[in-house]
Amino acid sequence: MTLDLLHNRLAAFLTNLECLDMAGQRDALVGEILETGGRYDPPPETPHARHLFEISLHGVSAAGTDEADAFRAWKRAARAMTFESASAGA
């Protein structure tokens, strides 16, 4: 039941993101991370940092070379997870 609720919240969040422009999507993502205990890890601001932007939310993790890339990767992974769980339940 808990896993089902997680996927329902993830699906609802993804649906709501589609109604927003990019700035609104970023704000929604940051808000959701703060509300649910997700993670947003930007690289350190040092000249030799070898760390990617990392996002982890609703059991979905992704990384990218910059914030926008990490966000796009997270949305792709979240859609795939939602689609896989929906087809597994059918």
N, C-alpha and C. Protein backbone atom coordinates (compact mmCIF):
# COMPACT_ATOMS: atom_id res chain seq x y z
N MET A 1 0.83 -1.19 0.00
CA MET A 1 0.00 0.00 0.00
C MET A 1 0.88 1.26 0.00
N THR A 2 1.93 1.28 0.81
CA THR A 2 2.80 2.45 0.87
C THR A 2 3.45 2.69 -0.48
N LEU A 3 3.91 1.64 -1.14
CA LEU A 3 4.53 1.78 -2.46
C LEU A 3 3.51 2.31 -3.46
N ASP A 4 2.27 1.84 -3.39
CA ASP A 4 1.23 2.33 -4.29
C ASP A 4 0.98 3.82 -4.07
N LEU A 5 0.95 4.27 -2.83
CA LEU A 5 0.76 5.69 -2.55
C LEU A 5 1.91 6.52 -3.09
N LEU A 6 3.13 5.99 -2.98
CA LEU A 6 4.30 6.68 -3.51
C LEU A 6 4.16 6.87 -5.02
N HIS A 7 3.78 5.82 -5.74
CA HIS A 7 3.63 5.93 -7.19
C HIS A 7 2.48 6.85 -7.57
N ASN A 8 1.41 6.86 -6.79
CA ASN A 8 0.31 7.78 -7.07
C ASN A 8 0.75 9.22 -6.89
N ARG A 9 1.52 9.50 -5.86
CA ARG A 9 2.01 10.87 -5.64
C ARG A 9 2.98 11.25 -6.75
N LEU A 10 3.83 10.32 -7.16
CA LEU A 10 4.76 10.59 -8.24
C LEU A 10 3.99 10.87 -9.54
N ALA A 11 3.00 10.07 -9.84
CA ALA A 11 2.21 10.28 -11.07
C ALA A 11 1.49 11.62 -11.01
N ALA A 12 0.92 11.96 -9.87
CA ALA A 12 0.23 13.24 -9.73
C ALA A 12 1.21 14.41 -9.88
N PHE A 13 2.39 14.27 -9.30
CA PHE A 13 3.39 15.32 -9.40
C PHE A 13 3.83 15.51 -10.85
N LEU A 14 4.07 14.42 -11.57
CA LEU A 14 4.46 14.52 -12.98
C LEU A 14 3.36 15.18 -13.81
N THR A 15 2.12 14.83 -13.55
CA THR A 15 0.99 15.43 -14.27
C THR A 15 0.94 16.93 -14.01
N ASN A 16 1.13 17.32 -12.77
CA ASN A 16 1.10 18.75 -12.43
C ASN A 16 2.27 19.50 -13.07
N LEU A 17 3.42 18.87 -13.18
CA LEU A 17 4.57 19.53 -13.80
C LEU A 17 4.28 19.94 -15.24
N GLU A 18 3.53 19.11 -15.94
CA GLU A 18 3.24 19.38 -17.36
C GLU A 18 2.44 20.66 -17.55
N CYS A 19 1.79 21.14 -16.51
CA CYS A 19 0.97 22.35 -16.60
C CYS A 19 1.78 23.62 -16.33
N LEU A 20 3.06 23.47 -16.03
CA LEU A 20 3.88 24.62 -15.63
C LEU A 20 4.97 24.92 -16.66
N ASP A 21 5.40 26.18 -16.68
CA ASP A 21 6.57 26.52 -17.51
C ASP A 21 7.82 26.04 -16.76
N MET A 22 8.98 26.19 -17.38
CA MET A 22 10.21 25.65 -16.78
C MET A 22 10.51 26.26 -15.40
N ALA A 23 10.29 27.56 -15.25
CA ALA A 23 10.53 28.18 -13.94
C ALA A 23 9.57 27.61 -12.89
N GLY A 24 8.33 27.41 -13.27
CA GLY A 24 7.35 26.83 -12.37
C GLY A 24 7.67 25.39 -12.04
N GLN A 25 8.17 24.64 -13.04
CA GLN A 25 8.56 23.25 -12.79
C GLN A 25 9.71 23.18 -11.79
N ARG A 26 10.69 24.09 -11.94
CA ARG A 26 11.81 24.10 -11.00
C ARG A 26 11.33 24.40 -9.59
N ASP A 27 10.45 25.42 -9.46
CA ASP A 27 9.91 25.76 -8.15
C ASP A 27 9.14 24.59 -7.54
N ALA A 28 8.34 23.91 -8.37
CA ALA A 28 7.57 22.77 -7.89
C ALA A 28 8.49 21.64 -7.44
N LEU A 29 9.55 21.40 -8.21
CA LEU A 29 10.50 20.35 -7.86
C LEU A 29 11.18 20.65 -6.53
N VAL A 30 11.66 21.87 -6.36
CA VAL A 30 12.33 22.25 -5.11
C VAL A 30 11.34 22.14 -3.94
N GLY A 31 10.13 22.59 -4.13
CA GLY A 31 9.11 22.48 -3.07
C GLY A 31 8.82 21.04 -2.70
N GLU A 32 8.70 20.20 -3.70
CA GLU A 32 8.42 18.78 -3.45
C GLU A 32 9.59 18.11 -2.73
N ILE A 33 10.80 18.48 -3.10
CA ILE A 33 11.99 17.94 -2.42
C ILE A 33 11.96 18.34 -0.94
N LEU A 34 11.67 19.60 -0.66
CA LEU A 34 11.62 20.07 0.73
C LEU A 34 10.50 19.41 1.52
N GLU A 35 9.33 19.22 0.89
CA GLU A 35 8.18 18.65 1.59
C GLU A 35 8.32 17.17 1.87
N THR A 36 9.02 16.45 1.00
CA THR A 36 9.03 14.99 1.12
C THR A 36 10.38 14.41 1.54
N GLY A 37 11.37 15.25 1.79
CA GLY A 37 12.66 14.75 2.21
C GLY A 37 13.52 14.23 1.07
N GLY A 38 13.26 14.71 -0.13
CA GLY A 38 14.11 14.34 -1.26
C GLY A 38 15.46 15.02 -1.15
N ARG A 39 16.29 14.84 -2.17
CA ARG A 39 17.63 15.43 -2.15
C ARG A 39 17.90 16.19 -3.43
N TYR A 40 18.58 17.30 -3.26
CA TYR A 40 19.06 18.12 -4.38
C TYR A 40 20.48 18.48 -4.03
N ASP A 41 21.43 17.91 -4.76
CA ASP A 41 22.84 18.13 -4.44
C ASP A 41 23.55 18.78 -5.61
N PRO A 42 23.75 20.10 -5.55
CA PRO A 42 24.55 20.76 -6.59
C PRO A 42 26.03 20.48 -6.33
N PRO A 43 26.85 20.58 -7.36
CA PRO A 43 28.28 20.38 -7.14
C PRO A 43 28.85 21.52 -6.31
N PRO A 44 29.95 21.25 -5.63
CA PRO A 44 30.59 22.34 -4.86
C PRO A 44 31.10 23.42 -5.81
N GLU A 45 31.14 24.62 -5.33
CA GLU A 45 31.60 25.73 -6.17
C GLU A 45 33.11 25.88 -6.06
N THR A 46 33.82 24.90 -6.58
CA THR A 46 35.27 24.95 -6.64
C THR A 46 35.70 24.73 -8.08
N PRO A 47 36.84 25.25 -8.46
CA PRO A 47 37.25 25.16 -9.86
C PRO A 47 37.47 23.73 -10.36
N HIS A 48 37.80 22.82 -9.46
CA HIS A 48 38.12 21.46 -9.90
C HIS A 48 37.07 20.44 -9.46
N ALA A 49 35.85 20.88 -9.24
CA ALA A 49 34.79 19.98 -8.79
C ALA A 49 34.49 18.94 -9.86
N ARG A 50 34.40 17.71 -9.46
CA ARG A 50 34.06 16.62 -10.37
C ARG A 50 32.79 15.95 -9.87
N HIS A 51 31.79 16.73 -9.66
CA HIS A 51 30.54 16.25 -9.10
C HIS A 51 29.41 16.77 -9.97
N LEU A 52 28.44 15.96 -10.23
CA LEU A 52 27.28 16.36 -11.03
C LEU A 52 26.17 16.90 -10.14
N PHE A 53 25.20 17.57 -10.73
CA PHE A 53 23.97 17.91 -10.03
C PHE A 53 23.22 16.60 -9.83
N GLU A 54 22.72 16.36 -8.65
CA GLU A 54 22.00 15.13 -8.36
C GLU A 54 20.65 15.45 -7.74
N ILE A 55 19.62 14.75 -8.20
CA ILE A 55 18.26 14.91 -7.68
C ILE A 55 17.74 13.53 -7.31
N SER A 56 17.14 13.43 -6.14
CA SER A 56 16.49 12.20 -5.70
C SER A 56 15.17 12.57 -5.06
N LEU A 57 14.09 12.05 -5.64
CA LEU A 57 12.74 12.40 -5.18
C LEU A 57 11.79 11.26 -5.50
N HIS A 58 10.96 10.88 -4.56
CA HIS A 58 9.96 9.82 -4.75
C HIS A 58 10.58 8.52 -5.25
N GLY A 59 11.77 8.19 -4.76
CA GLY A 59 12.41 6.95 -5.14
C GLY A 59 13.06 6.96 -6.51
N VAL A 60 13.14 8.12 -7.12
CA VAL A 60 13.76 8.27 -8.44
C VAL A 60 14.98 9.17 -8.29
N SER A 61 16.11 8.70 -8.79
CA SER A 61 17.35 9.48 -8.71
C SER A 61 17.89 9.72 -10.11
N ALA A 62 18.50 10.89 -10.29
CA ALA A 62 19.10 11.23 -11.58
C ALA A 62 20.19 12.26 -11.36
N ALA A 63 21.08 12.37 -12.33
CA ALA A 63 22.17 13.33 -12.27
C ALA A 63 22.34 13.98 -13.63
N GLY A 64 22.96 15.14 -13.63
CA GLY A 64 23.21 15.84 -14.88
C GLY A 64 24.37 16.79 -14.74
N THR A 65 24.85 17.27 -15.87
CA THR A 65 26.00 18.18 -15.86
C THR A 65 25.65 19.56 -15.32
N ASP A 66 24.37 19.92 -15.40
CA ASP A 66 23.90 21.16 -14.80
C ASP A 66 22.50 20.91 -14.25
N GLU A 67 21.93 21.92 -13.63
CA GLU A 67 20.63 21.75 -12.99
C GLU A 67 19.55 21.33 -13.98
N ALA A 68 19.50 21.99 -15.13
CA ALA A 68 18.47 21.68 -16.13
C ALA A 68 18.62 20.26 -16.64
N ASP A 69 19.85 19.82 -16.87
CA ASP A 69 20.11 18.47 -17.35
C ASP A 69 19.68 17.43 -16.30
N ALA A 70 19.98 17.69 -15.04
CA ALA A 70 19.58 16.78 -13.96
C ALA A 70 18.06 16.71 -13.85
N PHE A 71 17.40 17.85 -14.01
CA PHE A 71 15.94 17.89 -13.92
C PHE A 71 15.32 17.11 -15.08
N ARG A 72 15.84 17.30 -16.30
CA ARG A 72 15.33 16.54 -17.46
C ARG A 72 15.55 15.04 -17.25
N ALA A 73 16.72 14.66 -16.75
CA ALA A 73 17.01 13.25 -16.51
C ALA A 73 16.08 12.68 -15.44
N TRP A 74 15.80 13.47 -14.40
CA TRP A 74 14.89 13.01 -13.35
C TRP A 74 13.48 12.80 -13.91
N LYS A 75 13.01 13.75 -14.72
CA LYS A 75 11.66 13.61 -15.29
C LYS A 75 11.58 12.38 -16.19
N ARG A 76 12.60 12.12 -17.00
CA ARG A 76 12.61 10.93 -17.86
C ARG A 76 12.55 9.65 -17.02
N ALA A 77 13.39 9.59 -15.98
CA ALA A 77 13.42 8.41 -15.12
C ALA A 77 12.10 8.23 -14.37
N ALA A 78 11.51 9.33 -13.92
CA ALA A 78 10.24 9.27 -13.19
C ALA A 78 9.12 8.80 -14.10
N ARG A 79 9.09 9.30 -15.33
CA ARG A 79 8.07 8.84 -16.29
C ARG A 79 8.23 7.35 -16.58
N ALA A 80 9.47 6.91 -16.75
CA ALA A 80 9.72 5.50 -17.02
C ALA A 80 9.28 4.64 -15.83
N MET A 81 9.58 5.08 -14.64
CA MET A 81 9.18 4.33 -13.45
C MET A 81 7.66 4.28 -13.32
N THR A 82 6.99 5.39 -13.58
CA THR A 82 5.54 5.44 -13.50
C THR A 82 4.92 4.56 -14.56
N PHE A 83 5.44 4.61 -15.78
CA PHE A 83 4.91 3.81 -16.86
C PHE A 83 5.13 2.32 -16.58
N GLU A 84 6.33 1.96 -16.09
CA GLU A 84 6.62 0.55 -15.80
C GLU A 84 5.72 0.01 -14.70
N SER A 85 5.47 0.82 -13.67
CA SER A 85 4.63 0.34 -12.59
C SER A 85 3.18 0.23 -13.03
N ALA A 86 2.74 1.11 -13.93
CA ALA A 86 1.37 1.04 -14.44
C ALA A 86 1.18 -0.19 -15.32
N SER A 87 2.16 -0.52 -16.18
CA SER A 87 2.01 -1.68 -17.05
C SER A 87 2.21 -2.97 -16.28
N ALA A 88 2.98 -2.95 -15.18
CA ALA A 88 3.14 -4.14 -14.37
C ALA A 88 1.86 -4.47 -13.61
N GLY A 89 1.10 -3.44 -13.27
CA GLY A 89 -0.15 -3.66 -12.54
C GLY A 89 -1.30 -4.06 -13.43
N ALA A 90 -1.14 -3.89 -14.75
CA ALA A 90 -2.24 -4.21 -15.68
C ALA A 90 -2.33 -5.68 -15.97
